[in-house]
């Protein structure tokens, strides 16, 4: 066996320094990896030789990529070209569009840990219109409120948690709690930044969607990304222009829906988390799937056998699958065969965390002020609830005015506290991941509440399948309750311990 490191992420500043010293090289492009790996299936030579050819003849390499991707339809070869992008000065609203793409990686500036400045994005669509002054004024009021709330919340949090405040090492933690509550009064226009890692195939999809997007900020972001990629790897991002499917379909669906819905109003109370649908007999299905992976019987026979088992015997299958797990282990893939669908009404601040769970299916409605506000309890405790509502009402007034003429731009002025409806489908394996991360005591309170409600309603319909669900902090106690013993701790499971066998 042999393994060769073919390449790895390198900071472009380092590449430029190397090129300044050694001269510019045409083969400093991820295209050579895409082209080389594309030839593996039909070229008997060792990969190293194929890569050498690709490096030596870059123009031929680019033509090869275009032929393989465009004419032959093997788009997967573009996945071998990977890019790291710094996305800077983008609004929170536009960042939501960027982070919709499942198979990309993002790390975004956190409003929980960083004190916000007064930076915001002015939508190009309202430059030199009557809305420009309105927009700037309301953003200024929101930012002023943020700093006022932050100072009061900081004092309140330090007093409320005097035991933690006694330890200087905990001061950053307490300030973070104040920041994460104060940010609920800031707008979706607030500037953010993110690091993004994406392969060429997925980037092509991003660029195509952005070119077709109705918001000018999103279009501008797409063009800026493409300018950088086209310079170094033009052959692996081909279908990046706007298209009818992305540009027109949602507008046509909205028009059709308006005719169908007419004057129908939403009925019933607004529930934060509602389990709408789920796989029936989920426990039997997962147990049968685990059995199926462990024997030679067809799935139907496994399911038939499982249905005849007693509750305890059935539970033995789950306990066997779980017995060697630690809190950081994911569930087996067999847990993906059962699904749950939720209607969730949540704040923008909370959605910013939920959307990170990209292996689920998430679709959203537009932000809707009629759904109310999520106001942090600490803001109520410091007697600033009415002040908060006053800022929200002023923001909504600007929103409603802008909505008449600029409906796509109006959401920029809404707050992190404003809500939207989300339809979310998760399989049981992904729900475990949501709970581990978001129900944990270290998670932010808003997403904790959502994750807890999701887990609680799911356990009622899939009690065995979800018998081990919890936040990371509760994992040991839940495990102990299931097995009547704590999880077995090995050296490898301890944080910061790495065993290397020589």
Protein backbone atom coordinates (compact mmCIF):
# COMPACT_ATOMS: atom_id res chain seq x y z
CA UNK A 1 0.00 0.00 0.00
CA UNK A 2 1.14 3.54 -0.78
CA UNK A 3 -0.45 6.89 -0.02
CA UNK A 4 0.76 10.17 -1.50
CA UNK A 5 -0.31 13.64 -0.39
CA UNK A 6 -1.36 15.17 -3.73
CA UNK A 7 -2.15 18.63 -2.37
CA UNK A 8 -3.67 20.62 0.47
CA UNK A 9 -5.08 24.01 1.26
CA UNK A 10 -2.47 26.75 1.09
CA UNK A 11 -3.05 30.40 1.94
CA UNK A 12 -2.94 32.50 -1.24
CA UNK A 13 -0.61 34.97 0.47
CA UNK A 14 1.93 32.16 0.86
CA UNK A 15 1.46 31.16 -2.79
CA UNK A 16 2.03 34.73 -3.91
CA UNK A 17 5.21 34.98 -1.84
CA UNK A 18 6.48 31.73 -3.37
CA UNK A 19 5.63 32.93 -6.88
CA UNK A 20 7.32 36.29 -6.25
CA UNK A 21 10.50 34.41 -5.38
CA UNK A 22 10.37 31.63 -7.96
CA UNK A 23 8.27 33.19 -10.71
CA UNK A 24 4.64 32.72 -11.65
CA UNK A 25 3.63 29.19 -12.64
CA UNK A 26 0.64 28.19 -14.75
CA UNK A 27 0.23 24.88 -12.93
CA UNK A 28 -0.66 26.47 -9.57
CA UNK A 29 -4.32 25.60 -10.03
CA UNK A 30 -6.62 22.89 -8.64
CA UNK A 31 -7.61 22.08 -12.23
CA UNK A 32 -4.62 19.74 -12.54
CA UNK A 33 -6.00 17.54 -9.75
CA UNK A 34 -9.47 17.43 -11.33
CA UNK A 35 -8.07 16.49 -14.73
CA UNK A 36 -5.63 13.92 -13.33
CA UNK A 37 -8.23 12.17 -11.21
CA UNK A 38 -10.68 12.21 -14.11
CA UNK A 39 -8.21 10.17 -16.18
CA UNK A 40 -7.67 7.48 -13.54
CA UNK A 41 -10.58 5.38 -14.80
CA UNK A 42 -9.12 5.04 -18.30
CA UNK A 43 -5.37 5.55 -17.93
CA UNK A 44 -3.35 2.56 -16.61
CA UNK A 45 -0.43 4.68 -15.40
CA UNK A 46 0.23 5.49 -11.75
CA UNK A 47 -1.63 8.55 -10.50
CA UNK A 48 1.63 10.40 -9.89
CA UNK A 49 2.49 10.16 -13.60
CA UNK A 50 -0.96 11.33 -14.63
CA UNK A 51 -0.69 14.33 -12.31
CA UNK A 52 2.74 15.13 -13.71
CA UNK A 53 1.27 15.26 -17.22
CA UNK A 54 -1.56 17.50 -16.02
CA UNK A 55 0.92 19.93 -14.45
CA UNK A 56 3.13 20.02 -17.54
CA UNK A 57 0.31 20.84 -19.96
CA UNK A 58 -2.16 23.15 -18.21
CA UNK A 59 -4.02 24.30 -21.34
CA UNK A 60 -4.52 20.70 -22.42
CA UNK A 61 -5.61 19.94 -18.88
CA UNK A 62 -8.26 22.67 -19.04
CA UNK A 63 -9.63 21.39 -22.34
CA UNK A 64 -9.73 17.90 -20.85
CA UNK A 65 -11.75 19.16 -17.87
CA UNK A 66 -14.23 20.94 -20.12
CA UNK A 67 -14.67 17.85 -22.31
CA UNK A 68 -15.16 15.52 -19.35
CA UNK A 69 -17.51 17.84 -17.46
CA UNK A 70 -19.47 19.39 -20.33
CA UNK A 71 -19.54 16.81 -23.14
CA UNK A 72 -19.29 13.60 -21.12
CA UNK A 73 -21.35 14.85 -18.18
CA UNK A 74 -18.96 13.67 -15.44
CA UNK A 75 -19.48 16.62 -13.13
CA UNK A 76 -18.06 14.77 -10.14
CA UNK A 77 -14.48 15.38 -11.33
CA UNK A 78 -15.00 19.07 -10.49
CA UNK A 79 -15.33 18.04 -6.85
CA UNK A 80 -11.56 17.47 -6.73
CA UNK A 81 -10.95 21.21 -7.16
CA UNK A 82 -11.46 22.90 -3.80
CA UNK A 83 -11.49 26.60 -2.95
CA UNK A 84 -11.31 28.56 0.30
CA UNK A 85 -13.10 31.90 0.14
CA UNK A 86 -13.11 34.85 2.53
CA UNK A 87 -16.61 36.35 2.37
CA UNK A 88 -16.45 39.83 3.92
CA UNK A 89 -18.93 42.68 4.34
CA UNK A 90 -22.06 40.69 3.53
CA UNK A 91 -25.38 41.27 5.32
CA UNK A 92 -26.90 38.63 7.57
CA UNK A 93 -29.77 38.43 5.09
CA UNK A 94 -27.45 37.60 2.18
CA UNK A 95 -25.45 35.24 4.39
CA UNK A 96 -28.59 33.14 4.77
CA UNK A 97 -28.61 32.67 1.01
CA UNK A 98 -24.95 31.67 0.99
CA UNK A 99 -25.37 29.11 3.73
CA UNK A 100 -28.27 27.31 2.08
CA UNK A 101 -25.90 25.05 0.17
CA UNK A 102 -25.53 21.68 1.85
CA UNK A 103 -22.18 20.44 0.63
CA UNK A 104 -20.12 23.52 1.44
CA UNK A 105 -18.39 24.38 4.72
CA UNK A 106 -18.81 27.70 6.52
CA UNK A 107 -17.57 29.40 9.65
CA UNK A 108 -19.34 32.69 10.23
CA UNK A 109 -18.59 35.65 12.46
CA UNK A 110 -20.61 35.04 15.61
CA UNK A 111 -22.78 37.76 17.06
CA UNK A 112 -22.67 35.80 20.32
CA UNK A 113 -18.94 36.22 20.91
CA UNK A 114 -18.02 39.43 19.07
CA UNK A 115 -19.20 42.89 20.09
CA UNK A 116 -20.92 44.34 17.04
CA UNK A 117 -19.82 47.60 15.52
CA UNK A 118 -22.12 49.88 13.54
CA UNK A 119 -21.39 48.26 10.18
CA UNK A 120 -24.36 47.48 7.96
CA UNK A 121 -25.07 46.81 4.30
CA UNK A 122 -27.06 49.40 2.38
CA UNK A 123 -29.04 47.59 -0.36
CA UNK A 124 -28.14 48.99 -3.77
CA UNK A 125 -31.82 48.97 -4.73
CA UNK A 126 -32.62 51.87 -2.36
CA UNK A 127 -29.66 54.14 -3.14
CA UNK A 128 -30.94 57.62 -4.04
CA UNK A 129 -34.55 56.72 -3.21
CA UNK A 130 -36.82 58.08 -0.48
CA UNK A 131 -36.09 54.94 1.55
CA UNK A 132 -32.36 55.60 1.93
CA UNK A 133 -32.72 58.09 4.77
CA UNK A 134 -35.39 55.98 6.49
CA UNK A 135 -33.15 52.96 6.28
CA UNK A 136 -30.11 54.70 7.73
CA UNK A 137 -32.14 56.25 10.56
CA UNK A 138 -33.72 53.00 11.71
CA UNK A 139 -30.40 51.13 11.54
CA UNK A 140 -28.83 53.90 13.65
CA UNK A 141 -31.60 53.54 16.26
CA UNK A 142 -31.16 49.77 16.34
CA UNK A 143 -27.40 50.08 16.79
CA UNK A 144 -27.84 52.64 19.57
CA UNK A 145 -30.25 50.27 21.29
CA UNK A 146 -27.76 47.41 20.93
CA UNK A 147 -25.02 49.26 22.82
CA UNK A 148 -27.45 50.49 25.51
CA UNK A 149 -28.83 46.99 26.03
CA UNK A 150 -25.37 45.42 26.00
CA UNK A 151 -24.09 47.64 28.84
CA UNK A 152 -27.18 47.06 30.98
CA UNK A 153 -27.23 43.33 30.21
CA UNK A 154 -23.54 42.98 31.06
CA UNK A 155 -24.09 44.51 34.50
CA UNK A 156 -27.19 42.38 35.01
CA UNK A 157 -25.53 39.12 33.96
CA UNK A 158 -22.50 39.73 36.18
CA UNK A 159 -24.79 40.42 39.14
CA UNK A 160 -27.12 37.51 38.35
CA UNK A 161 -24.19 35.09 38.15
CA UNK A 162 -22.04 36.54 40.90
CA UNK A 163 -20.46 33.15 41.58
CA UNK A 164 -19.08 33.01 38.02
CA UNK A 165 -18.20 36.71 38.01
CA UNK A 166 -15.89 36.10 40.98
CA UNK A 167 -13.60 34.23 38.59
CA UNK A 168 -11.94 36.60 36.05
CA UNK A 169 -11.58 33.66 33.66
CA UNK A 170 -15.39 33.56 33.37
CA UNK A 171 -15.79 37.22 32.41
CA UNK A 172 -15.64 36.54 28.66
CA UNK A 173 -18.35 33.91 29.08
CA UNK A 174 -20.63 36.33 30.94
CA UNK A 175 -20.01 39.12 28.44
CA UNK A 176 -20.90 36.64 25.71
CA UNK A 177 -24.27 36.02 27.35
CA UNK A 178 -24.93 39.77 27.35
CA UNK A 179 -23.90 40.07 23.68
CA UNK A 180 -26.06 37.17 22.54
CA UNK A 181 -29.14 38.82 24.09
CA UNK A 182 -28.35 42.35 22.93
CA UNK A 183 -27.98 41.22 19.32
CA UNK A 184 -31.72 40.45 19.13
CA UNK A 185 -32.28 44.18 18.51
CA UNK A 186 -29.93 44.36 15.50
CA UNK A 187 -31.04 44.12 11.88
CA UNK A 188 -30.63 41.56 9.13
CA UNK A 189 -28.68 44.32 7.35
CA UNK A 190 -25.86 43.94 9.91
CA UNK A 191 -22.55 43.13 8.25
CA UNK A 192 -21.03 39.72 8.73
CA UNK A 193 -18.16 37.68 7.37
CA UNK A 194 -17.47 34.01 6.85
CA UNK A 195 -14.84 31.55 5.73
CA UNK A 196 -16.16 29.18 3.08
CA UNK A 197 -14.68 25.96 1.70
CA UNK A 198 -16.32 24.61 -1.44
CA UNK A 199 -15.50 22.30 -4.31
CA UNK A 200 -15.95 23.47 -7.90
CA UNK A 201 -19.05 21.40 -8.57
CA UNK A 202 -20.95 22.94 -5.66
CA UNK A 203 -19.52 26.37 -6.35
CA UNK A 204 -20.95 26.22 -9.85
CA UNK A 205 -24.40 25.67 -8.32
CA UNK A 206 -23.86 28.57 -5.90
CA UNK A 207 -22.88 30.90 -8.74
CA UNK A 208 -25.81 29.86 -10.92
CA UNK A 209 -28.30 30.44 -8.12
CA UNK A 210 -26.72 33.77 -7.22
CA UNK A 211 -26.75 34.98 -10.84
CA UNK A 212 -30.49 34.21 -10.87
CA UNK A 213 -31.23 35.73 -7.44
CA UNK A 214 -33.51 38.80 -7.20
CA UNK A 215 -31.37 40.56 -4.54
CA UNK A 216 -28.60 42.70 -6.02
CA UNK A 217 -26.33 42.05 -3.02
CA UNK A 218 -26.48 38.32 -3.70
CA UNK A 219 -25.85 38.81 -7.42
CA UNK A 220 -22.87 41.04 -6.64
CA UNK A 221 -21.45 38.43 -4.27
CA UNK A 222 -21.73 35.77 -6.99
CA UNK A 223 -19.94 37.94 -9.53
CA UNK A 224 -17.15 38.72 -7.07
CA UNK A 225 -16.59 35.04 -6.32
CA UNK A 226 -16.56 34.10 -10.00
CA UNK A 227 -13.98 36.75 -10.85
CA UNK A 228 -11.53 35.09 -8.47
CA UNK A 229 -12.27 31.53 -9.60
CA UNK A 230 -12.22 32.27 -13.33
CA UNK A 231 -8.71 33.65 -12.99
CA UNK A 232 -7.20 30.42 -11.66
CA UNK A 233 -9.59 27.60 -12.59
CA UNK A 234 -11.87 28.49 -15.53
CA UNK A 235 -12.33 24.91 -16.74
CA UNK A 236 -14.13 23.50 -13.70
CA UNK A 237 -16.87 26.13 -13.28
CA UNK A 238 -18.82 26.19 -16.54
CA UNK A 239 -22.57 26.59 -15.90
CA UNK A 240 -22.52 29.71 -13.74
CA UNK A 241 -24.92 32.02 -15.60
CA UNK A 242 -28.49 32.86 -14.65
CA UNK A 243 -31.14 30.43 -15.88
CA UNK A 244 -34.93 30.29 -16.08
CA UNK A 245 -35.27 27.50 -13.56
CA UNK A 246 -33.68 29.53 -10.76
CA UNK A 247 -34.75 32.98 -11.95
CA UNK A 248 -38.45 32.41 -12.66
CA UNK A 249 -39.80 29.27 -10.97
CA UNK A 250 -40.19 30.58 -7.41
CA UNK A 251 -41.87 33.76 -8.67
CA UNK A 252 -44.27 31.65 -10.73
CA UNK A 253 -45.02 29.45 -7.71
CA UNK A 254 -45.68 32.53 -5.59
CA UNK A 255 -48.10 33.88 -8.19
CA UNK A 256 -49.94 30.57 -8.47
CA UNK A 257 -50.09 30.23 -4.66
CA UNK A 258 -51.55 33.74 -4.32
CA UNK A 259 -54.42 32.72 -6.59
CA UNK A 260 -54.98 29.46 -4.73
CA UNK A 261 -54.71 30.90 -1.22
CA UNK A 262 -56.68 34.09 -2.01
CA UNK A 263 -57.78 35.61 1.32
CA UNK A 264 -57.24 32.55 3.51
CA UNK A 265 -55.69 33.49 6.86
CA UNK A 266 -53.45 31.31 9.08
CA UNK A 267 -55.51 29.37 11.61
CA UNK A 268 -54.78 28.36 15.18
CA UNK A 269 -52.16 29.55 17.66
CA UNK A 270 -48.53 29.97 16.61
CA UNK A 271 -46.59 26.99 17.95
CA UNK A 272 -42.83 27.24 18.27
CA UNK A 273 -42.25 23.58 17.42
CA UNK A 274 -44.88 21.23 16.01
CA UNK A 275 -44.25 17.66 14.91
CA UNK A 276 -46.28 17.36 11.72
CA UNK A 277 -45.39 13.91 10.43
CA UNK A 278 -43.14 10.97 11.21
CA UNK A 279 -42.33 7.46 10.08
CA UNK A 280 -44.81 5.05 11.64
CA UNK A 281 -43.40 1.95 13.37
CA UNK A 282 -40.02 3.68 13.40
CA UNK A 283 -38.62 1.53 16.21
CA UNK A 284 -39.34 -1.66 14.25
CA UNK A 285 -37.84 -0.21 11.08
CA UNK A 286 -34.58 0.85 12.72
CA UNK A 287 -34.27 -2.42 14.65
CA UNK A 288 -34.89 -4.40 11.45
CA UNK A 289 -32.35 -2.26 9.57
CA UNK A 290 -29.71 -2.94 12.24
CA UNK A 291 -30.50 -6.65 11.99
CA UNK A 292 -30.42 -6.51 8.19
CA UNK A 293 -26.87 -5.11 8.23
CA UNK A 294 -25.78 -7.93 10.53
CA UNK A 295 -27.13 -11.01 8.74
CA UNK A 296 -27.91 -12.43 5.31
CA UNK A 297 -31.72 -12.21 5.42
CA UNK A 298 -33.75 -9.85 3.19
CA UNK A 299 -35.05 -6.76 4.96
CA UNK A 300 -38.71 -7.91 4.85
CA UNK A 301 -37.84 -11.03 6.81
CA UNK A 302 -35.85 -9.00 9.32
CA UNK A 303 -38.85 -6.68 9.81
CA UNK A 304 -41.18 -9.65 10.22
CA UNK A 305 -38.90 -11.14 12.87
CA UNK A 306 -38.58 -7.83 14.73
CA UNK A 307 -42.35 -7.41 14.90
CA UNK A 308 -42.59 -10.71 16.75
CA UNK A 309 -40.01 -9.76 19.38
CA UNK A 310 -40.93 -8.62 22.87
CA UNK A 311 -40.21 -5.02 23.85
CA UNK A 312 -37.15 -6.12 25.86
CA UNK A 313 -35.73 -8.23 23.02
CA UNK A 314 -36.26 -5.35 20.63
CA UNK A 315 -34.50 -3.01 23.02
CA UNK A 316 -31.55 -5.42 23.14
CA UNK A 317 -30.89 -4.62 19.47
CA UNK A 318 -30.67 -0.90 20.22
CA UNK A 319 -28.58 -1.41 23.35
CA UNK A 320 -26.13 -3.57 21.44
CA UNK A 321 -25.79 -0.84 18.81
CA UNK A 322 -25.21 1.79 21.51
CA UNK A 323 -23.16 0.00 24.14
CA UNK A 324 -19.73 1.18 22.95
CA UNK A 325 -20.74 4.75 22.11
CA UNK A 326 -19.26 7.95 23.48
CA UNK A 327 -21.00 11.35 23.39
CA UNK A 328 -19.10 12.36 20.23
CA UNK A 329 -20.05 9.23 18.25
CA UNK A 330 -22.75 9.53 15.61
CA UNK A 331 -25.57 7.06 15.30
CA UNK A 332 -25.30 4.29 12.72
CA UNK A 333 -26.70 5.01 9.26
CA UNK A 334 -29.57 2.63 9.91
CA UNK A 335 -31.14 5.46 11.95
CA UNK A 336 -31.53 7.41 8.70
CA UNK A 337 -34.37 5.14 7.54
CA UNK A 338 -36.92 6.96 9.72
CA UNK A 339 -37.89 10.63 9.43
CA UNK A 340 -39.64 13.41 11.30
CA UNK A 341 -41.13 16.60 9.85
CA UNK A 342 -41.50 19.73 11.97
CA UNK A 343 -43.09 23.14 11.59
CA UNK A 344 -40.88 25.55 13.52
CA UNK A 345 -41.52 29.24 14.16
CA UNK A 346 -38.28 30.83 15.30
CA UNK A 347 -36.33 34.05 15.47
CA UNK A 348 -33.73 35.07 12.92
CA UNK A 349 -31.09 34.65 15.62
CA UNK A 350 -32.21 31.08 16.22
CA UNK A 351 -32.54 30.29 12.53
CA UNK A 352 -28.92 31.31 12.09
CA UNK A 353 -28.02 28.25 14.17
CA UNK A 354 -30.65 25.81 12.94
CA UNK A 355 -29.68 26.35 9.30
CA UNK A 356 -26.24 24.92 10.06
CA UNK A 357 -27.76 21.43 10.12
CA UNK A 358 -27.46 21.04 6.38
CA UNK A 359 -28.03 17.28 6.23
CA UNK A 360 -31.67 17.95 7.05
CA UNK A 361 -34.25 19.35 4.62
CA UNK A 362 -35.07 22.97 5.48
CA UNK A 363 -37.39 25.27 3.55
CA UNK A 364 -38.49 28.66 4.80
CA UNK A 365 -41.14 31.29 4.44
CA UNK A 366 -40.21 34.97 4.38
CA UNK A 367 -39.79 36.82 7.66
CA UNK A 368 -43.20 37.78 9.01
CA UNK A 369 -43.57 40.46 11.75
CA UNK A 370 -47.09 39.19 12.50
CA UNK A 371 -45.52 36.08 14.06
CA UNK A 372 -44.26 38.25 16.91
CA UNK A 373 -40.86 38.68 18.54
CA UNK A 374 -38.47 36.56 20.53
CA UNK A 375 -37.41 38.80 23.42
CA UNK A 376 -34.66 37.42 25.69
CA UNK A 377 -35.68 36.96 29.34
CA UNK A 378 -32.68 38.99 30.49
CA UNK A 379 -34.01 42.00 28.58
CA UNK A 380 -37.30 41.65 30.43
CA UNK A 381 -35.46 41.29 33.74
CA UNK A 382 -33.60 44.60 33.27
CA UNK A 383 -36.90 46.36 32.54
CA UNK A 384 -36.09 47.09 28.87
CA UNK A 385 -38.84 45.02 27.24
CA UNK A 386 -40.95 48.06 26.30
CA UNK A 387 -37.90 49.85 24.89
CA UNK A 388 -37.10 46.74 22.85
CA UNK A 389 -40.66 46.58 21.53
CA UNK A 390 -40.52 50.27 20.64
CA UNK A 391 -37.46 49.71 18.45
CA UNK A 392 -39.15 46.67 16.89
CA UNK A 393 -42.32 48.66 16.13
CA UNK A 394 -40.31 51.44 14.45
CA UNK A 395 -38.47 48.83 12.42
CA UNK A 396 -41.74 47.21 11.39
CA UNK A 397 -43.14 50.58 10.31
CA UNK A 398 -40.16 51.09 7.98
CA UNK A 399 -40.52 47.48 6.81
CA UNK A 400 -44.20 47.94 5.93
CA UNK A 401 -43.48 51.18 4.07
CA UNK A 402 -40.64 49.64 2.07
CA UNK A 403 -42.64 46.48 1.41
CA UNK A 404 -45.17 48.40 -0.71
CA UNK A 405 -42.54 49.38 -3.28
CA UNK A 406 -39.48 47.24 -2.46
CA UNK A 407 -40.81 43.96 -1.01
CA UNK A 408 -37.53 42.09 -1.54
CA UNK A 409 -35.51 44.75 0.28
CA UNK A 410 -37.85 45.32 3.24
CA UNK A 411 -36.53 42.39 5.36
CA UNK A 412 -33.12 44.09 5.68
CA UNK A 413 -34.55 46.33 8.46
CA UNK A 414 -36.13 43.53 10.50
CA UNK A 415 -34.47 42.43 13.73
CA UNK A 416 -32.81 39.23 14.83
CA UNK A 417 -35.85 38.95 17.11
CA UNK A 418 -38.32 38.74 14.21
CA UNK A 419 -39.61 35.33 13.24
CA UNK A 420 -40.21 33.13 10.24
CA UNK A 421 -41.81 29.75 9.62
CA UNK A 422 -39.53 26.86 8.80
CA UNK A 423 -40.44 23.41 7.53
CA UNK A 424 -37.75 20.93 8.58
CA UNK A 425 -37.40 17.25 7.92
CA UNK A 426 -34.74 15.24 9.72
CA UNK A 427 -33.93 11.58 9.96
CA UNK A 428 -33.35 10.14 13.42
CA UNK A 429 -29.58 10.13 13.00
CA UNK A 430 -29.50 13.84 12.20
CA UNK A 431 -31.91 14.62 15.06
CA UNK A 432 -29.41 13.02 17.43
CA UNK A 433 -26.78 15.39 16.06
CA UNK A 434 -29.09 18.40 16.49
CA UNK A 435 -29.79 17.45 20.10
CA UNK A 436 -26.17 16.65 20.98
CA UNK A 437 -25.03 20.07 19.80
CA UNK A 438 -28.03 22.33 20.41
CA UNK A 439 -29.65 20.88 23.53
CA UNK A 440 -26.30 21.00 25.32
CA UNK A 441 -25.96 23.40 28.27
CA UNK A 442 -23.28 25.36 26.37
CA UNK A 443 -25.66 26.05 23.47
CA UNK A 444 -27.51 29.36 23.20
CA UNK A 445 -30.86 29.39 25.05
CA UNK A 446 -33.05 30.05 21.99
CA UNK A 447 -31.80 27.07 19.98
CA UNK A 448 -31.73 24.98 23.17
CA UNK A 449 -35.48 25.49 23.51
CA UNK A 450 -36.13 24.49 19.91
CA UNK A 451 -33.88 21.41 20.05
CA UNK A 452 -35.40 20.28 23.33
CA UNK A 453 -38.94 20.55 21.98
CA UNK A 454 -37.96 18.63 18.85
CA UNK A 455 -36.39 15.83 20.88
CA UNK A 456 -39.25 15.61 23.37
CA UNK A 457 -41.95 15.32 20.72
CA UNK A 458 -39.84 12.81 18.75
CA UNK A 459 -39.27 10.54 21.76
CA UNK A 460 -43.04 10.15 22.14
CA UNK A 461 -43.36 8.55 18.71
CA UNK A 462 -39.96 6.78 18.51
CA UNK A 463 -39.19 5.89 22.14
CA UNK A 464 -36.63 3.16 21.42
CA UNK A 465 -34.96 4.77 18.43
CA UNK A 466 -34.45 7.99 20.37
CA UNK A 467 -33.76 6.38 23.73
CA UNK A 468 -30.28 7.89 23.93
CA UNK A 469 -31.05 11.40 22.68
CA UNK A 470 -29.77 14.35 24.73
CA UNK A 471 -27.34 17.25 24.75
CA UNK A 472 -23.66 16.41 25.19
CA UNK A 473 -23.76 17.49 28.83
CA UNK A 474 -26.53 14.98 29.64
CA UNK A 475 -25.14 12.07 27.63
CA UNK A 476 -23.51 10.21 30.52
CA UNK A 477 -26.62 10.38 32.72
CA UNK A 478 -28.94 9.26 29.87
CA UNK A 479 -26.56 6.43 28.98
CA UNK A 480 -26.42 5.35 32.63
CA UNK A 481 -30.22 5.31 32.82
CA UNK A 482 -30.45 3.07 29.75
CA UNK A 483 -27.62 0.67 30.69
CA UNK A 484 -27.56 0.98 34.51
CA UNK A 485 -23.86 1.85 34.22
CA UNK A 486 -21.86 4.81 32.91
CA UNK A 487 -20.28 4.63 29.46
CA UNK A 488 -16.92 2.90 29.33
CA UNK A 489 -14.23 5.59 29.05
CA UNK A 490 -11.11 4.80 27.08
CA UNK A 491 -7.96 6.87 26.66
CA UNK A 492 -9.01 7.77 23.11
CA UNK A 493 -12.34 9.16 24.35
CA UNK A 494 -10.75 11.68 26.69
CA UNK A 495 -10.51 15.25 25.32
CA UNK A 496 -7.03 16.26 24.28
CA UNK A 497 -5.67 12.73 24.34
CA UNK A 498 -4.26 11.28 21.17
CA UNK A 499 -2.70 7.83 21.03
CA UNK A 500 -0.26 7.18 18.22
CA UNK A 501 0.77 3.61 17.55
CA UNK A 502 4.25 3.23 16.14
